[in-house]
Amino acid sequence: MRINGIIIDTNEIVYAIKNKIDIYQLFLSSDFPLKFFTTSENIKELKKFGIDINPLKVKIIPAKGKTDEEIIRIAKEKNLLIFTEDKELALKAKKLGLKAVKLKNKKSIEFY
């Protein structure tokens, strides 16, 4: 499966902003396309934390259901890599043949 971009879960966005981690730089040395996505449900969650997503240059995809289910659905439809710290979400994705990564030492990414 050819990866067309990266869908970012809420927990990674919050963590990156709080720790001043440049998500773009994290993926710059990878072979993945530097196209970032998140769901409208993730945006709702971020607003609860008072976080503005605009500085991250992320395309927002409309979601109709629960956040994790929508991340999986969208990742499957668009062939996206899932970027999350949510192990349960990553394992569900892996069972469906999707790829998921997480932060490693605030400086790189690693596969689940």
C-alpha atoms as a PDB file:
ATOM      1  CA  MET A   1       0.000   0.000   0.000  1.00  0.00           C
ATOM      2  CA  ARG A   2       1.384   3.391  -1.022  1.00  0.00           C
ATOM      3  CA  ILE A   3       1.042   5.970   1.749  1.00  0.00           C
ATOM      4  CA  ASN A   4      -0.490   9.246   0.507  1.00  0.00           C
ATOM      5  CA  GLY A   5      -0.091  11.303   3.674  1.00  0.00           C
ATOM      6  CA  ILE A   6      -0.350  11.300   7.446  1.00  0.00           C
ATOM      7  CA  ILE A   7      -3.474  11.585   9.593  1.00  0.00           C
ATOM      8  CA  ILE A   8      -2.700  12.992  13.032  1.00  0.00           C
ATOM      9  CA  ASP A   9      -4.618  12.052  16.175  1.00  0.00           C
ATOM     10  CA  THR A  10      -5.479  14.686  18.788  1.00  0.00           C
ATOM     11  CA  ASN A  11      -2.981  13.368  21.337  1.00  0.00           C
ATOM     12  CA  GLU A  12      -0.039  13.875  18.967  1.00  0.00           C
ATOM     13  CA  ILE A  13      -1.098  17.417  18.102  1.00  0.00           C
ATOM     14  CA  VAL A  14      -1.477  18.387  21.768  1.00  0.00           C
ATOM     15  CA  TYR A  15       1.841  16.774  22.672  1.00  0.00           C
ATOM     16  CA  ALA A  16       3.675  18.406  19.751  1.00  0.00           C
ATOM     17  CA  ILE A  17       2.378  21.869  20.593  1.00  0.00           C
ATOM     18  CA  LYS A  18       3.058  21.572  24.334  1.00  0.00           C
ATOM     19  CA  ASN A  19       6.582  20.256  23.724  1.00  0.00           C
ATOM     20  CA  LYS A  20       7.368  22.515  20.747  1.00  0.00           C
ATOM     21  CA  ILE A  21       7.908  19.557  18.441  1.00  0.00           C
ATOM     22  CA  ASP A  22       7.847  20.341  14.735  1.00  0.00           C
ATOM     23  CA  ILE A  23       5.789  17.526  13.222  1.00  0.00           C
ATOM     24  CA  TYR A  24       6.875  18.516   9.726  1.00  0.00           C
ATOM     25  CA  GLN A  25      10.556  18.131  10.692  1.00  0.00           C
ATOM     26  CA  LEU A  26       9.861  14.738  12.292  1.00  0.00           C
ATOM     27  CA  PHE A  27       8.639  13.342   8.997  1.00  0.00           C
ATOM     28  CA  LEU A  28      11.024  15.263   6.749  1.00  0.00           C
ATOM     29  CA  SER A  29      13.629  12.494   6.782  1.00  0.00           C
ATOM     30  CA  SER A  30      11.021   9.767   6.203  1.00  0.00           C
ATOM     31  CA  ASP A  31       9.788   8.465   2.873  1.00  0.00           C
ATOM     32  CA  PHE A  32       6.221   9.531   3.626  1.00  0.00           C
ATOM     33  CA  PRO A  33       4.560  12.369   1.717  1.00  0.00           C
ATOM     34  CA  LEU A  34       4.451  15.535   3.810  1.00  0.00           C
ATOM     35  CA  LYS A  35       0.689  15.964   3.571  1.00  0.00           C
ATOM     36  CA  PHE A  36      -0.961  16.192   6.974  1.00  0.00           C
ATOM     37  CA  PHE A  37      -4.621  15.577   7.805  1.00  0.00           C
ATOM     38  CA  THR A  38      -6.866  15.449  10.841  1.00  0.00           C
ATOM     39  CA  THR A  39     -10.602  15.105  11.371  1.00  0.00           C
ATOM     40  CA  SER A  40     -13.186  17.725  12.216  1.00  0.00           C
ATOM     41  CA  GLU A  41     -13.816  15.738  15.428  1.00  0.00           C
ATOM     42  CA  ASN A  42     -10.153  16.151  16.382  1.00  0.00           C
ATOM     43  CA  ILE A  43     -10.535  19.890  15.858  1.00  0.00           C
ATOM     44  CA  LYS A  44     -13.500  19.917  18.265  1.00  0.00           C
ATOM     45  CA  GLU A  45     -11.359  18.095  20.850  1.00  0.00           C
ATOM     46  CA  LEU A  46      -8.487  20.552  20.352  1.00  0.00           C
ATOM     47  CA  LYS A  47     -10.761  23.550  20.842  1.00  0.00           C
ATOM     48  CA  LYS A  48     -11.595  22.166  24.297  1.00  0.00           C
ATOM     49  CA  PHE A  49      -7.882  22.574  25.098  1.00  0.00           C
ATOM     50  CA  GLY A  50      -7.816  26.047  23.538  1.00  0.00           C
ATOM     51  CA  ILE A  51      -5.512  24.866  20.749  1.00  0.00           C
ATOM     52  CA  ASP A  52      -5.545  26.456  17.295  1.00  0.00           C
ATOM     53  CA  ILE A  53      -4.574  23.990  14.570  1.00  0.00           C
ATOM     54  CA  ASN A  54      -3.784  26.580  11.877  1.00  0.00           C
ATOM     55  CA  PRO A  55      -0.025  26.840  12.584  1.00  0.00           C
ATOM     56  CA  LEU A  56       0.387  23.145  11.737  1.00  0.00           C
ATOM     57  CA  LYS A  57      -0.943  23.489   8.162  1.00  0.00           C
ATOM     58  CA  VAL A  58      -3.157  20.434   8.470  1.00  0.00           C
ATOM     59  CA  LYS A  59      -6.016  19.677   6.101  1.00  0.00           C
ATOM     60  CA  ILE A  60      -9.235  19.053   8.029  1.00  0.00           C
ATOM     61  CA  ILE A  61     -11.424  16.184   6.820  1.00  0.00           C
ATOM     62  CA  PRO A  62     -15.103  16.166   7.846  1.00  0.00           C
ATOM     63  CA  ALA A  63     -15.912  13.322  10.246  1.00  0.00           C
ATOM     64  CA  LYS A  64     -19.296  11.814  10.960  1.00  0.00           C
ATOM     65  CA  GLY A  65     -18.696   9.557  13.930  1.00  0.00           C
ATOM     66  CA  LYS A  66     -16.362   8.761  16.807  1.00  0.00           C
ATOM     67  CA  THR A  67     -12.854  10.108  16.382  1.00  0.00           C
ATOM     68  CA  ASP A  68     -10.919   6.821  16.380  1.00  0.00           C
ATOM     69  CA  GLU A  69     -13.363   5.126  14.022  1.00  0.00           C
ATOM     70  CA  GLU A  70     -13.199   8.095  11.670  1.00  0.00           C
ATOM     71  CA  ILE A  71      -9.391   8.138  11.730  1.00  0.00           C
ATOM     72  CA  ILE A  72      -9.369   4.482  10.714  1.00  0.00           C
ATOM     73  CA  ARG A  73     -12.034   4.992   8.034  1.00  0.00           C
ATOM     74  CA  ILE A  74     -10.261   7.994   6.522  1.00  0.00           C
ATOM     75  CA  ALA A  75      -6.824   6.352   6.709  1.00  0.00           C
ATOM     76  CA  LYS A  76      -8.209   3.336   4.877  1.00  0.00           C
ATOM     77  CA  GLU A  77     -10.025   5.408   2.215  1.00  0.00           C
ATOM     78  CA  LYS A  78      -7.084   7.714   1.494  1.00  0.00           C
ATOM     79  CA  ASN A  79      -4.153   5.364   2.264  1.00  0.00           C
ATOM     80  CA  LEU A  80      -2.876   7.492   5.135  1.00  0.00           C
ATOM     81  CA  LEU A  81      -0.369   6.680   7.848  1.00  0.00           C
ATOM     82  CA  ILE A  82      -1.834   7.123  11.348  1.00  0.00           C
ATOM     83  CA  PHE A  83       0.242   9.214  13.771  1.00  0.00           C
ATOM     84  CA  THR A  84      -0.976   8.523  17.325  1.00  0.00           C
ATOM     85  CA  GLU A  85       0.079   7.700  20.865  1.00  0.00           C
ATOM     86  CA  ASP A  86      -3.154   5.741  21.298  1.00  0.00           C
ATOM     87  CA  LYS A  87      -1.972   2.117  21.366  1.00  0.00           C
ATOM     88  CA  GLU A  88      -5.519   0.760  21.111  1.00  0.00           C
ATOM     89  CA  LEU A  89      -6.172   2.814  17.963  1.00  0.00           C
ATOM     90  CA  ALA A  90      -2.835   1.726  16.488  1.00  0.00           C
ATOM     91  CA  LEU A  91      -3.559  -1.962  17.134  1.00  0.00           C
ATOM     92  CA  LYS A  92      -7.039  -1.692  15.563  1.00  0.00           C
ATOM     93  CA  ALA A  93      -5.465  -0.049  12.543  1.00  0.00           C
ATOM     94  CA  LYS A  94      -2.754  -2.698  12.308  1.00  0.00           C
ATOM     95  CA  LYS A  95      -5.365  -5.489  12.341  1.00  0.00           C
ATOM     96  CA  LEU A  96      -6.978  -3.815   9.322  1.00  0.00           C
ATOM     97  CA  GLY A  97      -3.675  -3.659   7.456  1.00  0.00           C
ATOM     98  CA  LEU A  98      -3.063   0.034   8.125  1.00  0.00           C
ATOM     99  CA  LYS A  99       0.211   1.496   9.340  1.00  0.00           C
ATOM    100  CA  ALA A 100       0.560   3.559  12.505  1.00  0.00           C
ATOM    101  CA  VAL A 101       3.499   5.367  14.074  1.00  0.00           C
ATOM    102  CA  LYS A 102       4.230   7.169  17.321  1.00  0.00           C
ATOM    103  CA  LEU A 103       6.834   9.540  18.673  1.00  0.00           C
ATOM    104  CA  LYS A 104      10.139   8.136  19.854  1.00  0.00           C
ATOM    105  CA  ASN A 105      12.225  10.270  22.217  1.00  0.00           C
ATOM    106  CA  LYS A 106      10.565  13.488  20.926  1.00  0.00           C
ATOM    107  CA  LYS A 107      12.967  13.358  17.965  1.00  0.00           C
ATOM    108  CA  SER A 108      11.806  10.593  15.649  1.00  0.00           C
ATOM    109  CA  ILE A 109       8.966   8.235  14.829  1.00  0.00           C
ATOM    110  CA  GLU A 110       8.620   4.490  15.149  1.00  0.00           C
ATOM    111  CA  PHE A 111       6.101   1.945  13.920  1.00  0.00           C
ATOM    112  CA  TYR A 112       3.779   0.081  16.247  1.00  0.00           C
END
